[in-house]
């Protein structure tokens, strides 16, 4: 009876220890999974977190790297488009000033020569007007092309940022999933040991 009692106590203690180890490893597993999830969320926030503005200074005090990159690209695009408008207006203004002087000079020459009403005079004015119009069209063509280049460059840059974000999110997710797989090993080992111990004592096999 004493021997049986000792074996029973030993078995009970072994079972309690094995069960405790399963519970302990499971609790640790849950903690580590929680940490992995938190790290994942922090990574995502650091990547695409919303823009936060300081209410006093109006400056950006927090935002994800992807969000910041997109905001910067958008600002650069708008500034670039504004510059094209300014450049176009400056070009046309310079052309107007130059053309005005040339027209006045041409009219003076035509009047002095006394053939302002002749076909030759009209032809001279038409040639001058055509030249001025051609320069104006060149300015507009350059304006349109430059704006198109800015827009295309912006879209390409945004596309690259999107690719980078997608890749980063995939890496974050993979890291989290891998962490979950690795962290579950100790829990699975403790569970297996516990189940083997149950079999050793024939627990759960009655009636099979």
C-alpha atoms as a PDB file:
ATOM      1  CA  UNK A   1       0.000   0.000   0.000  1.00  0.00           C
ATOM      2  CA  UNK A   2       2.821   2.411   0.828  1.00  0.00           C
ATOM      3  CA  UNK A   3       4.527   1.662  -2.492  1.00  0.00           C
ATOM      4  CA  UNK A   4       1.273   2.227  -4.370  1.00  0.00           C
ATOM      5  CA  UNK A   5       0.702   5.425  -2.425  1.00  0.00           C
ATOM      6  CA  UNK A   6       4.175   6.670  -3.282  1.00  0.00           C
ATOM      7  CA  UNK A   7       3.651   5.879  -6.981  1.00  0.00           C
ATOM      8  CA  UNK A   8       0.281   7.602  -6.911  1.00  0.00           C
ATOM      9  CA  UNK A   9       1.750  10.704  -5.288  1.00  0.00           C
ATOM     10  CA  UNK A  10       4.642  10.693  -7.770  1.00  0.00           C
ATOM     11  CA  UNK A  11       2.270  10.313 -10.712  1.00  0.00           C
ATOM     12  CA  UNK A  12       0.049  13.065  -9.388  1.00  0.00           C
ATOM     13  CA  UNK A  13       2.978  15.411  -8.971  1.00  0.00           C
ATOM     14  CA  UNK A  14       4.287  14.580 -12.433  1.00  0.00           C
ATOM     15  CA  UNK A  15       0.868  15.266 -13.906  1.00  0.00           C
ATOM     16  CA  UNK A  16       0.529  18.529 -12.020  1.00  0.00           C
ATOM     17  CA  UNK A  17       4.002  19.630 -13.130  1.00  0.00           C
ATOM     18  CA  UNK A  18       3.309  18.694 -16.767  1.00  0.00           C
ATOM     19  CA  UNK A  19      -0.054  20.420 -16.675  1.00  0.00           C
ATOM     20  CA  UNK A  20       1.506  23.505 -15.082  1.00  0.00           C
ATOM     21  CA  UNK A  21       4.177  23.565 -17.771  1.00  0.00           C
ATOM     22  CA  UNK A  22       1.521  23.454 -20.499  1.00  0.00           C
ATOM     23  CA  UNK A  23      -0.354  26.331 -18.888  1.00  0.00           C
ATOM     24  CA  UNK A  24       2.836  28.335 -18.306  1.00  0.00           C
ATOM     25  CA  UNK A  25       4.064  27.881 -21.870  1.00  0.00           C
ATOM     26  CA  UNK A  26       0.624  28.739 -23.231  1.00  0.00           C
ATOM     27  CA  UNK A  27       0.523  31.955 -21.204  1.00  0.00           C
ATOM     28  CA  UNK A  28       4.015  32.855 -22.432  1.00  0.00           C
ATOM     29  CA  UNK A  29       2.930  32.035 -25.966  1.00  0.00           C
ATOM     30  CA  UNK A  30      -0.020  34.417 -25.654  1.00  0.00           C
ATOM     31  CA  UNK A  31       2.243  37.164 -24.292  1.00  0.00           C
ATOM     32  CA  UNK A  32       4.740  36.760 -27.112  1.00  0.00           C
ATOM     33  CA  UNK A  33       1.983  36.664 -29.728  1.00  0.00           C
ATOM     34  CA  UNK A  34       0.638  39.865 -28.191  1.00  0.00           C
ATOM     35  CA  UNK A  35       4.076  41.447 -28.451  1.00  0.00           C
ATOM     36  CA  UNK A  36       4.417  40.316 -32.063  1.00  0.00           C
ATOM     37  CA  UNK A  37       0.993  41.779 -32.860  1.00  0.00           C
ATOM     38  CA  UNK A  38       1.885  45.044 -31.137  1.00  0.00           C
ATOM     39  CA  UNK A  39       5.163  45.252 -33.052  1.00  0.00           C
ATOM     40  CA  UNK A  40       3.259  44.626 -36.286  1.00  0.00           C
ATOM     41  CA  UNK A  41       0.750  47.373 -35.519  1.00  0.00           C
ATOM     42  CA  UNK A  42       3.547  49.777 -34.610  1.00  0.00           C
ATOM     43  CA  UNK A  43       5.334  49.005 -37.873  1.00  0.00           C
ATOM     44  CA  UNK A  44       2.155  49.602 -39.864  1.00  0.00           C
ATOM     45  CA  UNK A  45       1.492  52.849 -37.998  1.00  0.00           C
ATOM     46  CA  UNK A  46       5.065  53.999 -38.625  1.00  0.00           C
ATOM     47  CA  UNK A  47       4.567  53.248 -42.316  1.00  0.00           C
ATOM     48  CA  UNK A  48       1.123  54.647 -43.068  1.00  0.00           C
ATOM     49  CA  UNK A  49       0.033  56.499 -39.928  1.00  0.00           C
ATOM     50  CA  UNK A  50      -2.203  59.517 -40.377  1.00  0.00           C
ATOM     51  CA  UNK A  51      -0.753  63.003 -40.522  1.00  0.00           C
ATOM     52  CA  UNK A  52      -0.890  64.801 -37.158  1.00  0.00           C
ATOM     53  CA  UNK A  53      -0.649  68.601 -37.112  1.00  0.00           C
ATOM     54  CA  UNK A  54       0.591  70.659 -34.163  1.00  0.00           C
ATOM     55  CA  UNK A  55      -2.365  72.916 -33.270  1.00  0.00           C
ATOM     56  CA  UNK A  56      -0.039  75.736 -32.220  1.00  0.00           C
ATOM     57  CA  UNK A  57       2.672  75.788 -34.886  1.00  0.00           C
ATOM     58  CA  UNK A  58       0.680  74.105 -37.654  1.00  0.00           C
ATOM     59  CA  UNK A  59       3.643  71.833 -38.369  1.00  0.00           C
ATOM     60  CA  UNK A  60       3.439  68.101 -39.011  1.00  0.00           C
ATOM     61  CA  UNK A  61       4.520  66.366 -35.797  1.00  0.00           C
ATOM     62  CA  UNK A  62       3.708  62.764 -36.672  1.00  0.00           C
ATOM     63  CA  UNK A  63       2.951  60.705 -39.752  1.00  0.00           C
ATOM     64  CA  UNK A  64       3.945  57.438 -41.371  1.00  0.00           C
ATOM     65  CA  UNK A  65       6.857  57.332 -43.798  1.00  0.00           C
ATOM     66  CA  UNK A  66       4.555  56.342 -46.662  1.00  0.00           C
ATOM     67  CA  UNK A  67       2.082  59.077 -45.755  1.00  0.00           C
ATOM     68  CA  UNK A  68       4.907  61.606 -45.574  1.00  0.00           C
ATOM     69  CA  UNK A  69       6.295  60.525 -48.954  1.00  0.00           C
ATOM     70  CA  UNK A  70       2.887  60.817 -50.638  1.00  0.00           C
ATOM     71  CA  UNK A  71       2.268  64.203 -49.023  1.00  0.00           C
ATOM     72  CA  UNK A  72       5.690  65.425 -50.165  1.00  0.00           C
ATOM     73  CA  UNK A  73       5.105  64.184 -53.711  1.00  0.00           C
ATOM     74  CA  UNK A  74       1.715  65.916 -53.787  1.00  0.00           C
ATOM     75  CA  UNK A  75       3.248  69.174 -52.569  1.00  0.00           C
ATOM     76  CA  UNK A  76       6.042  68.963 -55.130  1.00  0.00           C
ATOM     77  CA  UNK A  77       3.510  68.292 -57.866  1.00  0.00           C
ATOM     78  CA  UNK A  78       1.362  71.293 -56.933  1.00  0.00           C
ATOM     79  CA  UNK A  79       4.409  73.546 -56.638  1.00  0.00           C
ATOM     80  CA  UNK A  80       5.686  72.319 -59.992  1.00  0.00           C
ATOM     81  CA  UNK A  81       2.345  72.981 -61.684  1.00  0.00           C
ATOM     82  CA  UNK A  82       2.199  76.449 -60.145  1.00  0.00           C
ATOM     83  CA  UNK A  83       5.677  77.168 -61.463  1.00  0.00           C
ATOM     84  CA  UNK A  84       4.592  76.204 -64.976  1.00  0.00           C
ATOM     85  CA  UNK A  85       1.742  78.728 -64.789  1.00  0.00           C
ATOM     86  CA  UNK A  86       4.113  81.439 -63.576  1.00  0.00           C
ATOM     87  CA  UNK A  87       6.648  80.525 -66.254  1.00  0.00           C
ATOM     88  CA  UNK A  88       3.992  80.634 -68.965  1.00  0.00           C
ATOM     89  CA  UNK A  89       2.717  84.025 -67.855  1.00  0.00           C
ATOM     90  CA  UNK A  90       6.245  85.416 -67.641  1.00  0.00           C
ATOM     91  CA  UNK A  91       7.024  84.064 -71.113  1.00  0.00           C
ATOM     92  CA  UNK A  92       3.861  85.529 -72.614  1.00  0.00           C
ATOM     93  CA  UNK A  93       4.437  88.856 -70.860  1.00  0.00           C
ATOM     94  CA  UNK A  94       7.974  89.036 -72.228  1.00  0.00           C
ATOM     95  CA  UNK A  95       6.631  88.147 -75.669  1.00  0.00           C
ATOM     96  CA  UNK A  96       3.955  90.840 -75.426  1.00  0.00           C
ATOM     97  CA  UNK A  97       6.545  93.464 -74.519  1.00  0.00           C
ATOM     98  CA  UNK A  98       8.871  92.359 -77.300  1.00  0.00           C
ATOM     99  CA  UNK A  99       6.046  92.091 -79.820  1.00  0.00           C
ATOM    100  CA  UNK A 100       4.706  95.516 -78.869  1.00  0.00           C
ATOM    101  CA  UNK A 101       8.044  97.113 -79.570  1.00  0.00           C
ATOM    102  CA  UNK A 102       8.445  95.247 -82.866  1.00  0.00           C
ATOM    103  CA  UNK A 103       4.925  96.143 -84.000  1.00  0.00           C
ATOM    104  CA  UNK A 104       5.443  99.819 -83.193  1.00  0.00           C
ATOM    105  CA  UNK A 105       8.792  99.805 -84.979  1.00  0.00           C
ATOM    106  CA  UNK A 106       7.292  98.043 -87.990  1.00  0.00           C
ATOM    107  CA  UNK A 107       4.344 100.452 -88.165  1.00  0.00           C
ATOM    108  CA  UNK A 108       6.719 103.389 -87.979  1.00  0.00           C
ATOM    109  CA  UNK A 109       8.826 102.012 -90.847  1.00  0.00           C
ATOM    110  CA  UNK A 110       5.744 101.237 -92.910  1.00  0.00           C
ATOM    111  CA  UNK A 111       4.330 104.707 -92.304  1.00  0.00           C
ATOM    112  CA  UNK A 112       7.646 106.391 -93.069  1.00  0.00           C
ATOM    113  CA  UNK A 113       7.961 104.419 -96.278  1.00  0.00           C
ATOM    114  CA  UNK A 114       4.488 105.503 -97.261  1.00  0.00           C
ATOM    115  CA  UNK A 115       3.099 102.100 -98.118  1.00  0.00           C
ATOM    116  CA  UNK A 116       1.020 101.275 -95.037  1.00  0.00           C
ATOM    117  CA  UNK A 117      -2.059 100.761 -97.163  1.00  0.00           C
ATOM    118  CA  UNK A 118      -0.366  98.698 -99.795  1.00  0.00           C
ATOM    119  CA  UNK A 119      -0.328  94.916 -99.999  1.00  0.00           C
ATOM    120  CA  UNK A 120       3.364  94.959 -99.142  1.00  0.00           C
ATOM    121  CA  UNK A 121       2.652  96.769 -95.875  1.00  0.00           C
ATOM    122  CA  UNK A 122      -0.107  94.371 -94.949  1.00  0.00           C
ATOM    123  CA  UNK A 123       2.106  91.401 -95.746  1.00  0.00           C
ATOM    124  CA  UNK A 124       4.843  92.744 -93.467  1.00  0.00           C
ATOM    125  CA  UNK A 125       2.388  93.103 -90.610  1.00  0.00           C
ATOM    126  CA  UNK A 126       0.978  89.617 -91.240  1.00  0.00           C
ATOM    127  CA  UNK A 127       4.442  88.067 -91.226  1.00  0.00           C
ATOM    128  CA  UNK A 128       5.239  89.801 -87.943  1.00  0.00           C
ATOM    129  CA  UNK A 129       1.934  88.691 -86.408  1.00  0.00           C
ATOM    130  CA  UNK A 130       2.538  85.121 -87.570  1.00  0.00           C
ATOM    131  CA  UNK A 131       5.983  85.098 -85.980  1.00  0.00           C
ATOM    132  CA  UNK A 132       4.607  86.429 -82.711  1.00  0.00           C
ATOM    133  CA  UNK A 133       1.765  83.879 -82.792  1.00  0.00           C
ATOM    134  CA  UNK A 134       4.219  81.054 -83.439  1.00  0.00           C
ATOM    135  CA  UNK A 135       6.286  82.052 -80.414  1.00  0.00           C
ATOM    136  CA  UNK A 136       3.143  82.198 -78.296  1.00  0.00           C
ATOM    137  CA  UNK A 137       2.134  78.723 -79.471  1.00  0.00           C
ATOM    138  CA  UNK A 138       5.615  77.436 -78.615  1.00  0.00           C
ATOM    139  CA  UNK A 139       5.231  78.832 -75.100  1.00  0.00           C
ATOM    140  CA  UNK A 140       1.847  77.120 -74.724  1.00  0.00           C
ATOM    141  CA  UNK A 141       3.189  73.848 -76.128  1.00  0.00           C
ATOM    142  CA  UNK A 142       6.082  73.909 -73.672  1.00  0.00           C
ATOM    143  CA  UNK A 143       3.665  74.737 -70.863  1.00  0.00           C
ATOM    144  CA  UNK A 144       1.435  71.771 -71.714  1.00  0.00           C
ATOM    145  CA  UNK A 145       4.361  69.367 -72.090  1.00  0.00           C
ATOM    146  CA  UNK A 146       5.945  70.438 -68.820  1.00  0.00           C
ATOM    147  CA  UNK A 147       2.683  69.993 -66.918  1.00  0.00           C
ATOM    148  CA  UNK A 148       2.210  66.572 -68.484  1.00  0.00           C
ATOM    149  CA  UNK A 149       5.741  65.556 -67.464  1.00  0.00           C
ATOM    150  CA  UNK A 150       5.118  66.712 -63.893  1.00  0.00           C
ATOM    151  CA  UNK A 151       1.852  64.765 -63.673  1.00  0.00           C
ATOM    152  CA  UNK A 152       3.369  61.606 -65.162  1.00  0.00           C
ATOM    153  CA  UNK A 153       6.371  61.858 -62.866  1.00  0.00           C
ATOM    154  CA  UNK A 154       4.068  62.239 -59.878  1.00  0.00           C
ATOM    155  CA  UNK A 155       2.009  59.182 -60.851  1.00  0.00           C
ATOM    156  CA  UNK A 156       5.131  57.072 -61.379  1.00  0.00           C
ATOM    157  CA  UNK A 157       6.575  58.154 -58.028  1.00  0.00           C
ATOM    158  CA  UNK A 158       3.301  57.379 -56.238  1.00  0.00           C
ATOM    159  CA  UNK A 159       3.253  53.972 -57.927  1.00  0.00           C
ATOM    160  CA  UNK A 160       6.745  53.231 -56.611  1.00  0.00           C
ATOM    161  CA  UNK A 161       5.716  54.310 -53.115  1.00  0.00           C
ATOM    162  CA  UNK A 162       2.679  52.015 -53.340  1.00  0.00           C
ATOM    163  CA  UNK A 163       4.910  49.105 -54.293  1.00  0.00           C
ATOM    164  CA  UNK A 164       7.218  49.862 -51.391  1.00  0.00           C
ATOM    165  CA  UNK A 165       4.313  50.033 -48.966  1.00  0.00           C
ATOM    166  CA  UNK A 166       2.857  46.742 -50.184  1.00  0.00           C
ATOM    167  CA  UNK A 167       6.240  45.046 -49.878  1.00  0.00           C
ATOM    168  CA  UNK A 168       6.790  46.431 -46.373  1.00  0.00           C
ATOM    169  CA  UNK A 169       3.337  45.336 -45.207  1.00  0.00           C
ATOM    170  CA  UNK A 170       4.019  41.850 -46.545  1.00  0.00           C
ATOM    171  CA  UNK A 171       7.312  41.697 -44.677  1.00  0.00           C
ATOM    172  CA  UNK A 172       5.682  42.899 -41.456  1.00  0.00           C
ATOM    173  CA  UNK A 173       2.954  40.282 -41.779  1.00  0.00           C
ATOM    174  CA  UNK A 174       5.463  37.527 -42.545  1.00  0.00           C
ATOM    175  CA  UNK A 175       7.545  38.495 -39.511  1.00  0.00           C
ATOM    176  CA  UNK A 176       4.470  38.366 -37.298  1.00  0.00           C
ATOM    177  CA  UNK A 177       3.363  34.997 -38.647  1.00  0.00           C
ATOM    178  CA  UNK A 178       6.868  33.540 -38.349  1.00  0.00           C
ATOM    179  CA  UNK A 179       7.064  34.778 -34.767  1.00  0.00           C
ATOM    180  CA  UNK A 180       3.798  32.987 -34.027  1.00  0.00           C
ATOM    181  CA  UNK A 181       5.094  29.738 -35.492  1.00  0.00           C
ATOM    182  CA  UNK A 182       8.384  29.886 -33.580  1.00  0.00           C
ATOM    183  CA  UNK A 183       6.798  30.911 -30.300  1.00  0.00           C
ATOM    184  CA  UNK A 184       4.351  28.020 -30.409  1.00  0.00           C
ATOM    185  CA  UNK A 185       7.118  25.419 -30.322  1.00  0.00           C
ATOM    186  CA  UNK A 186       7.577  25.385 -26.529  1.00  0.00           C
ATOM    187  CA  UNK A 187       3.853  25.214 -25.922  1.00  0.00           C
ATOM    188  CA  UNK A 188       3.508  22.331 -28.397  1.00  0.00           C
ATOM    189  CA  UNK A 189       6.427  20.508 -26.740  1.00  0.00           C
ATOM    190  CA  UNK A 190       4.892  20.876 -23.284  1.00  0.00           C
ATOM    191  CA  UNK A 191       1.523  19.721 -24.619  1.00  0.00           C
ATOM    192  CA  UNK A 192       3.073  16.672 -26.256  1.00  0.00           C
ATOM    193  CA  UNK A 193       4.907  15.766 -23.036  1.00  0.00           C
ATOM    194  CA  UNK A 194       1.661  16.103 -21.103  1.00  0.00           C
ATOM    195  CA  UNK A 195      -0.240  13.912 -23.581  1.00  0.00           C
ATOM    196  CA  UNK A 196       2.515  11.280 -23.484  1.00  0.00           C
ATOM    197  CA  UNK A 197       2.348  11.288 -19.703  1.00  0.00           C
ATOM    198  CA  UNK A 198      -1.394  10.708 -19.876  1.00  0.00           C
ATOM    199  CA  UNK A 199      -0.798   7.696 -22.089  1.00  0.00           C
ATOM    200  CA  UNK A 200       1.889   6.393 -19.751  1.00  0.00           C
ATOM    201  CA  UNK A 201      -0.642   6.224 -16.932  1.00  0.00           C
ATOM    202  CA  UNK A 202      -3.357   4.911 -19.218  1.00  0.00           C
ATOM    203  CA  UNK A 203      -5.528   7.962 -18.769  1.00  0.00           C
ATOM    204  CA  UNK A 204      -8.065   8.488 -21.499  1.00  0.00           C
ATOM    205  CA  UNK A 205      -7.656   4.969 -22.883  1.00  0.00           C
ATOM    206  CA  UNK A 206     -10.354   3.264 -20.821  1.00  0.00           C
ATOM    207  CA  UNK A 207     -13.159   1.939 -22.979  1.00  0.00           C
ATOM    208  CA  UNK A 208     -11.195   2.186 -26.218  1.00  0.00           C
END
